Amino acid sequence: MIIIALFLLAGIAEIGGGYLIWLWLRDGKHVFYGIAGGVALALYGVIATFQSFPSFGRVYAAYGGVFIVLSVLWGWGVDKKTPDTYDWIGAVICLIGVSVMLLPSRQ
């Protein structure tokens, strides 16, 4: 459960941070949006270090798959862009890939 919580927390920090910077630079929001986005992105980098996996590359590859799914959900919930069938198929493929990378025990 801790592993999943860390993936979700890191994903929200990364996507939320990027979104806040997007709002600042693309939508002309106040500079504090950009600062908050930078802080969130820095937190994302810190949160990932709490994962128990020994390999940096494997953890970040797995985050990539989780972030794709979270990004589809973010677009649906925040940007009000309903995912289509291909978005959902792609998200499922990513989760399968993450499972293949993380679930087998390795020595």
N, C-alpha and C. Protein backbone atom coordinates (compact mmCIF):
# COMPACT_ATOMS: atom_id res chain seq x y z
N MET A 1 0.83 -1.20 0.00
CA MET A 1 0.00 0.00 0.00
C MET A 1 0.87 1.26 0.00
N ILE A 2 2.00 1.22 0.70
CA ILE A 2 2.89 2.39 0.73
C ILE A 2 3.44 2.66 -0.66
N ILE A 3 3.79 1.61 -1.38
CA ILE A 3 4.33 1.78 -2.73
C ILE A 3 3.30 2.49 -3.61
N ILE A 4 2.06 2.05 -3.57
CA ILE A 4 1.00 2.66 -4.38
C ILE A 4 0.77 4.10 -3.96
N ALA A 5 0.74 4.35 -2.65
CA ALA A 5 0.54 5.72 -2.16
C ALA A 5 1.66 6.64 -2.63
N LEU A 6 2.90 6.15 -2.60
CA LEU A 6 4.02 6.97 -3.06
C LEU A 6 3.93 7.26 -4.56
N PHE A 7 3.53 6.24 -5.34
CA PHE A 7 3.34 6.46 -6.77
C PHE A 7 2.29 7.54 -7.01
N LEU A 8 1.17 7.44 -6.30
CA LEU A 8 0.09 8.41 -6.49
C LEU A 8 0.48 9.81 -6.02
N LEU A 9 1.12 9.88 -4.88
CA LEU A 9 1.54 11.18 -4.35
C LEU A 9 2.56 11.85 -5.27
N ALA A 10 3.53 11.09 -5.72
CA ALA A 10 4.53 11.63 -6.65
C ALA A 10 3.87 12.05 -7.96
N GLY A 11 2.94 11.26 -8.44
CA GLY A 11 2.25 11.61 -9.68
C GLY A 11 1.46 12.89 -9.57
N ILE A 12 0.76 13.06 -8.46
CA ILE A 12 0.00 14.29 -8.26
C ILE A 12 0.94 15.49 -8.15
N ALA A 13 2.07 15.30 -7.47
CA ALA A 13 3.04 16.40 -7.35
C ALA A 13 3.61 16.78 -8.72
N GLU A 14 3.95 15.77 -9.52
CA GLU A 14 4.53 16.07 -10.83
C GLU A 14 3.51 16.70 -11.78
N ILE A 15 2.37 16.07 -11.90
CA ILE A 15 1.36 16.58 -12.82
C ILE A 15 0.81 17.92 -12.33
N GLY A 16 0.56 18.01 -11.04
CA GLY A 16 0.07 19.29 -10.49
C GLY A 16 1.08 20.40 -10.63
N GLY A 17 2.36 20.08 -10.40
CA GLY A 17 3.40 21.10 -10.56
C GLY A 17 3.53 21.57 -11.99
N GLY A 18 3.52 20.62 -12.91
CA GLY A 18 3.57 20.98 -14.31
C GLY A 18 2.36 21.79 -14.73
N TYR A 19 1.20 21.43 -14.20
CA TYR A 19 -0.04 22.15 -14.52
C TYR A 19 0.01 23.59 -14.00
N LEU A 20 0.53 23.78 -12.79
CA LEU A 20 0.63 25.14 -12.25
C LEU A 20 1.58 26.00 -13.08
N ILE A 21 2.69 25.42 -13.53
CA ILE A 21 3.61 26.17 -14.38
C ILE A 21 2.95 26.46 -15.73
N TRP A 22 2.21 25.51 -16.25
CA TRP A 22 1.45 25.72 -17.48
C TRP A 22 0.51 26.92 -17.32
N LEU A 23 -0.25 26.95 -16.21
CA LEU A 23 -1.18 28.05 -15.98
C LEU A 23 -0.46 29.39 -15.91
N TRP A 24 0.70 29.41 -15.28
CA TRP A 24 1.48 30.64 -15.16
C TRP A 24 1.97 31.12 -16.52
N LEU A 25 2.63 30.22 -17.26
CA LEU A 25 3.26 30.64 -18.51
C LEU A 25 2.31 30.69 -19.70
N ARG A 26 1.36 29.80 -19.77
CA ARG A 26 0.47 29.74 -20.93
C ARG A 26 -0.82 30.52 -20.75
N ASP A 27 -1.30 30.56 -19.50
CA ASP A 27 -2.59 31.22 -19.26
C ASP A 27 -2.46 32.55 -18.54
N GLY A 28 -1.22 32.98 -18.31
CA GLY A 28 -1.00 34.30 -17.72
C GLY A 28 -1.37 34.44 -16.25
N LYS A 29 -1.38 33.34 -15.54
CA LYS A 29 -1.67 33.41 -14.10
C LYS A 29 -0.49 34.06 -13.37
N HIS A 30 -0.71 34.43 -12.13
CA HIS A 30 0.29 35.09 -11.31
C HIS A 30 1.54 34.23 -11.15
N VAL A 31 2.68 34.86 -10.95
CA VAL A 31 3.95 34.16 -10.81
C VAL A 31 3.94 33.15 -9.66
N PHE A 32 3.08 33.36 -8.68
CA PHE A 32 3.00 32.41 -7.56
C PHE A 32 2.55 31.02 -8.03
N TYR A 33 1.80 30.96 -9.12
CA TYR A 33 1.45 29.66 -9.70
C TYR A 33 2.73 28.94 -10.12
N GLY A 34 3.62 29.68 -10.77
CA GLY A 34 4.89 29.10 -11.21
C GLY A 34 5.76 28.66 -10.05
N ILE A 35 5.80 29.48 -9.01
CA ILE A 35 6.60 29.13 -7.83
C ILE A 35 6.03 27.88 -7.15
N ALA A 36 4.70 27.85 -6.99
CA ALA A 36 4.07 26.68 -6.38
C ALA A 36 4.31 25.44 -7.24
N GLY A 37 4.27 25.61 -8.55
CA GLY A 37 4.54 24.49 -9.45
C GLY A 37 5.96 23.99 -9.31
N GLY A 38 6.92 24.90 -9.18
CA GLY A 38 8.31 24.50 -8.98
C GLY A 38 8.51 23.75 -7.67
N VAL A 39 7.85 24.19 -6.62
CA VAL A 39 7.93 23.50 -5.33
C VAL A 39 7.33 22.09 -5.45
N ALA A 40 6.18 22.00 -6.12
CA ALA A 40 5.55 20.69 -6.29
C ALA A 40 6.44 19.74 -7.09
N LEU A 41 7.10 20.25 -8.13
CA LEU A 41 7.99 19.41 -8.93
C LEU A 41 9.20 18.97 -8.12
N ALA A 42 9.71 19.85 -7.26
CA ALA A 42 10.82 19.45 -6.39
C ALA A 42 10.36 18.37 -5.41
N LEU A 43 9.16 18.51 -4.87
CA LEU A 43 8.62 17.49 -3.97
C LEU A 43 8.47 16.15 -4.67
N TYR A 44 8.07 16.20 -5.92
CA TYR A 44 7.96 14.96 -6.70
C TYR A 44 9.30 14.23 -6.71
N GLY A 45 10.38 14.95 -6.93
CA GLY A 45 11.70 14.33 -6.94
C GLY A 45 12.07 13.72 -5.61
N VAL A 46 11.66 14.36 -4.53
CA VAL A 46 11.96 13.85 -3.19
C VAL A 46 11.09 12.64 -2.87
N ILE A 47 9.81 12.71 -3.19
CA ILE A 47 8.89 11.61 -2.88
C ILE A 47 9.36 10.31 -3.51
N ALA A 48 9.85 10.38 -4.72
CA ALA A 48 10.29 9.17 -5.42
C ALA A 48 11.41 8.44 -4.68
N THR A 49 12.22 9.17 -3.94
CA THR A 49 13.34 8.53 -3.24
C THR A 49 12.88 7.64 -2.09
N PHE A 50 11.64 7.75 -1.68
CA PHE A 50 11.11 6.92 -0.60
C PHE A 50 10.68 5.53 -1.06
N GLN A 51 10.68 5.29 -2.37
CA GLN A 51 10.34 3.96 -2.86
C GLN A 51 11.40 2.96 -2.41
N SER A 52 10.98 1.73 -2.18
CA SER A 52 11.90 0.72 -1.67
C SER A 52 12.64 -0.04 -2.77
N PHE A 53 12.35 0.23 -4.02
CA PHE A 53 13.03 -0.46 -5.11
C PHE A 53 14.48 0.00 -5.19
N PRO A 54 15.39 -0.92 -5.44
CA PRO A 54 16.81 -0.56 -5.44
C PRO A 54 17.29 0.15 -6.70
N SER A 55 16.53 0.10 -7.78
CA SER A 55 16.99 0.63 -9.05
C SER A 55 16.28 1.93 -9.40
N PHE A 56 17.05 3.00 -9.56
CA PHE A 56 16.50 4.30 -9.95
C PHE A 56 15.76 4.19 -11.27
N GLY A 57 16.38 3.55 -12.26
CA GLY A 57 15.79 3.46 -13.58
C GLY A 57 14.46 2.73 -13.59
N ARG A 58 14.39 1.64 -12.86
CA ARG A 58 13.15 0.86 -12.81
C ARG A 58 12.03 1.65 -12.13
N VAL A 59 12.36 2.33 -11.05
CA VAL A 59 11.36 3.13 -10.34
C VAL A 59 10.83 4.22 -11.26
N TYR A 60 11.71 4.92 -11.94
CA TYR A 60 11.25 6.02 -12.79
C TYR A 60 10.53 5.52 -14.03
N ALA A 61 10.90 4.37 -14.55
CA ALA A 61 10.15 3.79 -15.67
C ALA A 61 8.73 3.43 -15.22
N ALA A 62 8.63 2.85 -14.02
CA ALA A 62 7.31 2.51 -13.49
C ALA A 62 6.49 3.77 -13.24
N TYR A 63 7.13 4.82 -12.71
CA TYR A 63 6.42 6.08 -12.52
C TYR A 63 5.86 6.58 -13.85
N GLY A 64 6.63 6.40 -14.92
CA GLY A 64 6.17 6.85 -16.23
C GLY A 64 4.83 6.25 -16.60
N GLY A 65 4.67 4.96 -16.38
CA GLY A 65 3.40 4.31 -16.68
C GLY A 65 2.27 4.81 -15.80
N VAL A 66 2.57 4.96 -14.51
CA VAL A 66 1.55 5.46 -13.58
C VAL A 66 1.18 6.89 -13.94
N PHE A 67 2.15 7.72 -14.29
CA PHE A 67 1.87 9.11 -14.63
C PHE A 67 1.02 9.23 -15.88
N ILE A 68 1.19 8.32 -16.82
CA ILE A 68 0.34 8.34 -18.02
C ILE A 68 -1.13 8.16 -17.61
N VAL A 69 -1.38 7.19 -16.76
CA VAL A 69 -2.75 6.96 -16.30
C VAL A 69 -3.26 8.17 -15.51
N LEU A 70 -2.44 8.69 -14.61
CA LEU A 70 -2.85 9.85 -13.83
C LEU A 70 -3.09 11.08 -14.71
N SER A 71 -2.30 11.20 -15.77
CA SER A 71 -2.47 12.33 -16.69
C SER A 71 -3.81 12.24 -17.43
N VAL A 72 -4.19 11.03 -17.82
CA VAL A 72 -5.49 10.85 -18.46
C VAL A 72 -6.60 11.24 -17.48
N LEU A 73 -6.47 10.79 -16.23
CA LEU A 73 -7.46 11.13 -15.21
C LEU A 73 -7.46 12.63 -14.90
N TRP A 74 -6.27 13.25 -14.86
CA TRP A 74 -6.17 14.69 -14.61
C TRP A 74 -6.88 15.46 -15.72
N GLY A 75 -6.61 15.07 -16.96
CA GLY A 75 -7.26 15.74 -18.08
C GLY A 75 -8.78 15.62 -18.02
N TRP A 76 -9.25 14.47 -17.57
CA TRP A 76 -10.68 14.24 -17.46
C TRP A 76 -11.28 15.07 -16.32
N GLY A 77 -10.62 15.04 -15.17
CA GLY A 77 -11.18 15.72 -13.99
C GLY A 77 -10.94 17.22 -13.94
N VAL A 78 -9.75 17.65 -14.35
CA VAL A 78 -9.39 19.07 -14.22
C VAL A 78 -9.65 19.84 -15.51
N ASP A 79 -9.21 19.29 -16.65
CA ASP A 79 -9.39 19.98 -17.93
C ASP A 79 -10.73 19.67 -18.59
N LYS A 80 -11.47 18.75 -18.01
CA LYS A 80 -12.79 18.37 -18.53
C LYS A 80 -12.72 17.85 -19.96
N LYS A 81 -11.64 17.10 -20.27
CA LYS A 81 -11.47 16.45 -21.56
C LYS A 81 -11.72 14.96 -21.37
N THR A 82 -12.84 14.49 -21.83
CA THR A 82 -13.21 13.10 -21.63
C THR A 82 -12.30 12.18 -22.44
N PRO A 83 -11.65 11.23 -21.78
CA PRO A 83 -10.79 10.29 -22.50
C PRO A 83 -11.61 9.44 -23.47
N ASP A 84 -11.02 9.14 -24.62
CA ASP A 84 -11.72 8.25 -25.55
C ASP A 84 -11.21 6.83 -25.37
N THR A 85 -11.70 5.94 -26.19
CA THR A 85 -11.34 4.53 -26.09
C THR A 85 -9.84 4.31 -26.19
N TYR A 86 -9.19 5.04 -27.09
CA TYR A 86 -7.75 4.87 -27.29
C TYR A 86 -6.95 5.37 -26.09
N ASP A 87 -7.44 6.40 -25.41
CA ASP A 87 -6.79 6.85 -24.18
C ASP A 87 -6.82 5.75 -23.13
N TRP A 88 -7.99 5.12 -22.97
CA TRP A 88 -8.13 4.07 -21.96
C TRP A 88 -7.32 2.83 -22.33
N ILE A 89 -7.32 2.47 -23.61
CA ILE A 89 -6.51 1.32 -24.03
C ILE A 89 -5.04 1.58 -23.76
N GLY A 90 -4.57 2.77 -24.10
CA GLY A 90 -3.17 3.13 -23.85
C GLY A 90 -2.84 3.10 -22.37
N ALA A 91 -3.76 3.60 -21.54
CA ALA A 91 -3.54 3.61 -20.09
C ALA A 91 -3.43 2.18 -19.55
N VAL A 92 -4.30 1.29 -20.02
CA VAL A 92 -4.26 -0.10 -19.57
C VAL A 92 -2.95 -0.76 -20.00
N ILE A 93 -2.52 -0.51 -21.23
CA ILE A 93 -1.25 -1.06 -21.70
C ILE A 93 -0.11 -0.59 -20.82
N CYS A 94 -0.13 0.69 -20.43
CA CYS A 94 0.93 1.21 -19.55
C CYS A 94 0.92 0.52 -18.20
N LEU A 95 -0.26 0.31 -17.63
CA LEU A 95 -0.33 -0.38 -16.34
C LEU A 95 0.15 -1.82 -16.44
N ILE A 96 -0.15 -2.47 -17.54
CA ILE A 96 0.37 -3.83 -17.75
C ILE A 96 1.90 -3.78 -17.80
N GLY A 97 2.45 -2.81 -18.51
CA GLY A 97 3.90 -2.67 -18.58
C GLY A 97 4.53 -2.44 -17.22
N VAL A 98 3.92 -1.58 -16.43
CA VAL A 98 4.43 -1.32 -15.07
C VAL A 98 4.38 -2.60 -14.25
N SER A 99 3.31 -3.36 -14.37
CA SER A 99 3.18 -4.61 -13.62
C SER A 99 4.26 -5.61 -14.03
N VAL A 100 4.54 -5.69 -15.32
CA VAL A 100 5.58 -6.60 -15.80
C VAL A 100 6.93 -6.20 -15.21
N MET A 101 7.18 -4.91 -15.09
CA MET A 101 8.47 -4.44 -14.58
C MET A 101 8.61 -4.63 -13.07
N LEU A 102 7.53 -4.44 -12.33
CA LEU A 102 7.64 -4.38 -10.86
C LEU A 102 7.25 -5.67 -10.14
N LEU A 103 6.34 -6.43 -10.68
CA LEU A 103 5.80 -7.55 -9.90
C LEU A 103 6.72 -8.76 -9.79
N PRO A 104 7.46 -9.13 -10.84
CA PRO A 104 8.31 -10.32 -10.66
C PRO A 104 9.40 -10.07 -9.61
N SER A 105 9.61 -11.07 -8.77
CA SER A 105 10.71 -10.92 -7.80
C SER A 105 12.02 -11.17 -8.51
N ARG A 106 13.00 -10.39 -8.19
CA ARG A 106 14.32 -10.52 -8.80
C ARG A 106 15.37 -10.59 -7.70
N GLN A 107 16.41 -11.29 -7.99
CA GLN A 107 17.50 -11.38 -7.01
C GLN A 107 18.60 -10.41 -7.33
